[in-house]
Amino acid sequence: MGMAASLRRSGDHRDAAAKPVIAMHKDSYIFACRYGEFTIRLASEAAPDTCAFFERFFSSPNFSDASIFRIVTETNSSLRGSVPIEVIQLGLQHDGTGPLEDIGHENTAQTGLRHVQGAVSAARYGKGEVYESCFICMRDEPELDHGGRRHDDGAGFAVFGQVISGFEVLQQVFGLAEATDYLSEAIPVTLR
């Protein structure tokens, strides 16, 4: 049961277009950096829109430029430091001026997923305004859930996956945090 498939059939069997349409989804991804590997499993049933967005990103040529570029600790956050969090952000950096993708905001109240240690969530601006970047919770972060105070609108962030192996690699990376959250030298990430 590693992949989800959706079938659509027409009632008219004479129509050539009535053949089943099968959409295959990968349920986990192995990422590698110079410190080792970690695996993320997607929660496609709970957060289908967010997972679909990141499946496209992970399989796109853009991912060749992906990196771990931000490590947020209790003391170094450049944004909303009054609500401290501990996360590692990876993907592509966004300066707030380029285009954003508009997808449904699958908040934690809808999905039942939570920002627990190892949760993977979509970086965003407004609700559903995402870009090719996600973050991993290094500890439980309830302030990132729906109703939490980390984002001004209280809508929280959209969890779409969980680290299922290699968390010790991420802990090693987290130990590289600097005085400010954006790293002076990003850590390249590839897919295995």
Protein backbone atom coordinates (compact mmCIF):
# COMPACT_ATOMS: atom_id res chain seq x y z
CA MET A 1 0.00 0.00 0.00
CA GLY A 2 2.92 2.34 -0.68
CA MET A 3 1.09 4.26 -3.42
CA ALA A 4 -2.35 5.77 -3.70
CA ALA A 5 -4.30 5.35 -6.94
CA SER A 6 -7.46 7.05 -8.07
CA LEU A 7 -9.68 5.56 -10.74
CA ARG A 8 -12.31 7.24 -12.86
CA ARG A 9 -14.60 5.18 -15.10
CA SER A 10 -17.31 6.15 -17.54
CA GLY A 11 -20.57 4.26 -17.76
CA ASP A 12 -20.27 4.03 -21.56
CA HIS A 13 -17.89 1.12 -22.30
CA ARG A 14 -18.00 1.79 -26.07
CA ASP A 15 -16.26 5.14 -25.65
CA ALA A 16 -12.45 4.94 -25.98
CA ALA A 17 -12.18 7.76 -23.43
CA ALA A 18 -13.88 5.52 -20.86
CA LYS A 19 -10.60 3.77 -19.98
CA PRO A 20 -9.54 4.10 -16.33
CA VAL A 21 -7.32 7.05 -15.52
CA ILE A 22 -4.79 6.16 -12.85
CA ALA A 23 -2.83 8.82 -10.98
CA MET A 24 0.16 7.37 -9.14
CA HIS A 25 1.61 9.16 -6.14
CA LYS A 26 4.88 8.54 -4.38
CA ASP A 27 4.32 8.31 -0.63
CA SER A 28 7.87 8.92 0.61
CA TYR A 29 11.02 10.74 -0.44
CA ILE A 30 14.63 10.21 0.63
CA PHE A 31 16.67 13.41 0.88
CA ALA A 32 20.44 13.56 1.14
CA CYS A 33 22.84 16.26 2.29
CA ARG A 34 26.49 16.12 3.27
CA TYR A 35 25.51 14.99 6.79
CA GLY A 36 23.46 11.98 5.72
CA GLU A 37 19.95 11.05 4.61
CA PHE A 38 16.44 11.51 5.95
CA THR A 39 13.09 10.26 4.68
CA ILE A 40 9.79 12.11 4.58
CA ARG A 41 6.47 10.28 4.22
CA LEU A 42 3.63 12.33 2.72
CA ALA A 43 0.14 12.40 4.24
CA SER A 44 -1.66 12.48 0.89
CA GLU A 45 -5.06 11.44 2.21
CA ALA A 46 -5.14 14.09 4.93
CA ALA A 47 -3.53 16.94 2.93
CA PRO A 48 -3.98 16.14 -0.80
CA ASP A 49 -3.54 19.67 -2.18
CA THR A 50 -0.37 20.40 -0.22
CA CYS A 51 1.10 16.97 -1.01
CA ALA A 52 0.34 17.40 -4.72
CA PHE A 53 2.14 20.76 -4.72
CA PHE A 54 5.25 19.31 -3.09
CA GLU A 55 5.20 16.17 -5.24
CA ARG A 56 5.40 18.48 -8.28
CA PHE A 57 8.26 20.44 -6.71
CA PHE A 58 10.23 17.37 -5.61
CA SER A 59 10.04 15.94 -9.15
CA SER A 60 10.70 19.24 -10.97
CA PRO A 61 14.04 20.48 -12.35
CA ASN A 62 13.81 23.35 -9.83
CA PHE A 63 14.58 20.91 -7.03
CA SER A 64 18.19 20.70 -8.25
CA ASP A 65 18.66 24.13 -6.62
CA ALA A 66 17.10 23.09 -3.29
CA SER A 67 18.97 23.49 -0.02
CA ILE A 68 18.59 23.75 3.72
CA PHE A 69 18.83 27.50 3.97
CA ARG A 70 17.27 28.38 7.31
CA ILE A 71 17.58 27.00 10.84
CA VAL A 72 15.30 28.72 13.34
CA THR A 73 16.05 28.40 17.05
CA GLU A 74 14.44 29.91 20.13
CA THR A 75 16.88 32.82 20.00
CA ASN A 76 17.74 33.60 16.36
CA SER A 77 14.42 34.09 14.54
CA SER A 78 14.24 37.07 12.19
CA LEU A 79 10.43 36.78 12.05
CA ARG A 80 7.98 36.75 14.96
CA GLY A 81 10.66 36.11 17.55
CA SER A 82 8.10 36.65 20.31
CA VAL A 83 6.70 33.19 19.45
CA PRO A 84 9.85 31.04 19.36
CA ILE A 85 10.04 27.87 17.29
CA GLU A 86 12.71 25.35 16.33
CA VAL A 87 12.57 24.30 12.68
CA ILE A 88 14.76 23.54 9.68
CA GLN A 89 13.61 25.05 6.37
CA LEU A 90 14.49 23.53 3.03
CA GLY A 91 13.66 24.04 -0.62
CA LEU A 92 14.04 27.31 -2.49
CA GLN A 93 14.32 30.69 -0.79
CA HIS A 94 11.64 33.24 -1.61
CA ASP A 95 12.15 36.97 -1.13
CA GLY A 96 8.45 37.81 -0.98
CA THR A 97 8.40 39.51 -4.38
CA GLY A 98 8.09 36.64 -6.86
CA PRO A 99 4.99 34.64 -7.76
CA LEU A 100 3.32 32.38 -5.23
CA GLU A 101 1.20 29.31 -5.86
CA ASP A 102 -2.35 29.54 -4.56
CA ILE A 103 -3.59 26.21 -3.18
CA GLY A 104 -6.21 25.30 -0.61
CA HIS A 105 -4.97 25.98 2.93
CA GLU A 106 -5.20 22.57 4.59
CA ASN A 107 -4.87 23.68 8.19
CA THR A 108 -4.44 21.35 11.13
CA ALA A 109 -8.07 21.78 12.23
CA GLN A 110 -9.14 20.27 8.88
CA THR A 111 -6.53 17.54 8.52
CA GLY A 112 -6.11 16.41 12.10
CA LEU A 113 -2.33 16.52 11.58
CA ARG A 114 -0.22 18.44 14.10
CA HIS A 115 3.12 20.20 14.23
CA VAL A 116 4.80 17.53 16.34
CA GLN A 117 8.49 16.68 16.30
CA GLY A 118 9.40 15.55 12.78
CA ALA A 119 6.30 17.04 11.14
CA VAL A 120 6.86 18.55 7.68
CA SER A 121 4.84 21.65 6.82
CA ALA A 122 4.47 24.13 3.98
CA ALA A 123 6.11 27.54 4.24
CA ARG A 124 3.59 30.24 3.35
CA TYR A 125 2.68 33.90 3.23
CA GLY A 126 -1.13 34.29 3.28
CA LYS A 127 -3.45 31.30 3.66
CA GLY A 128 -2.70 28.95 0.77
CA GLU A 129 0.01 31.24 -0.67
CA VAL A 130 2.87 28.77 -0.86
CA TYR A 131 6.22 28.55 -2.56
CA GLU A 132 8.73 25.77 -3.10
CA SER A 133 9.84 25.50 0.50
CA CYS A 134 8.85 23.50 3.55
CA PHE A 135 10.03 23.17 7.13
CA ILE A 136 10.60 20.35 9.58
CA CYS A 137 9.69 20.71 13.26
CA MET A 138 12.58 19.82 15.53
CA ARG A 139 10.23 19.63 18.53
CA ASP A 140 6.48 19.85 19.10
CA GLU A 141 5.31 23.28 17.88
CA PRO A 142 1.62 23.86 18.78
CA GLU A 143 1.93 27.57 17.96
CA LEU A 144 2.19 26.55 14.29
CA ASP A 145 -1.16 24.71 14.41
CA HIS A 146 -4.51 26.33 13.54
CA GLY A 147 -5.19 28.93 16.24
CA GLY A 148 -1.50 29.28 17.06
CA ARG A 149 0.23 32.64 17.42
CA ARG A 150 3.20 32.17 15.09
CA HIS A 151 1.34 33.60 12.07
CA ASP A 152 -0.69 36.80 12.47
CA ASP A 153 -3.86 35.37 10.90
CA GLY A 154 -4.06 32.45 13.37
CA ALA A 155 -4.68 29.98 10.54
CA GLY A 156 -1.49 28.11 11.23
CA PHE A 157 0.48 26.14 8.68
CA ALA A 158 -0.33 23.05 6.62
CA VAL A 159 1.36 19.86 7.80
CA PHE A 160 1.70 17.46 4.87
CA GLY A 161 4.24 14.87 6.00
CA GLN A 162 6.42 13.35 8.69
CA VAL A 163 10.10 12.43 8.94
CA ILE A 164 10.15 8.64 9.26
CA SER A 165 13.90 8.03 9.30
CA GLY A 166 17.12 10.01 9.60
CA PHE A 167 15.93 12.44 12.27
CA GLU A 168 19.39 12.15 13.85
CA VAL A 169 20.82 13.68 10.64
CA LEU A 170 18.45 16.62 11.03
CA GLN A 171 19.49 17.02 14.67
CA GLN A 172 23.10 17.25 13.51
CA VAL A 173 22.11 19.88 10.94
CA PHE A 174 20.11 21.77 13.58
CA GLY A 175 23.32 21.98 15.62
CA LEU A 176 24.76 24.15 12.84
CA ALA A 177 22.35 27.02 13.62
CA GLU A 178 23.94 30.44 13.47
CA ALA A 179 23.27 33.72 15.28
CA THR A 180 20.64 34.53 12.65
CA ASP A 181 18.16 32.08 11.15
CA TYR A 182 19.20 32.34 7.47
CA LEU A 183 22.42 30.38 7.02
CA SER A 184 25.48 32.18 5.71
CA GLU A 185 26.10 29.12 3.51
CA ALA A 186 23.13 26.99 2.49
CA ILE A 187 23.43 23.18 2.65
CA PRO A 188 22.58 21.56 -0.72
CA VAL A 189 19.91 18.83 -0.64
CA THR A 190 19.30 16.15 -3.27
CA LEU A 191 16.74 13.40 -3.73
CA ARG A 192 17.76 9.75 -3.72
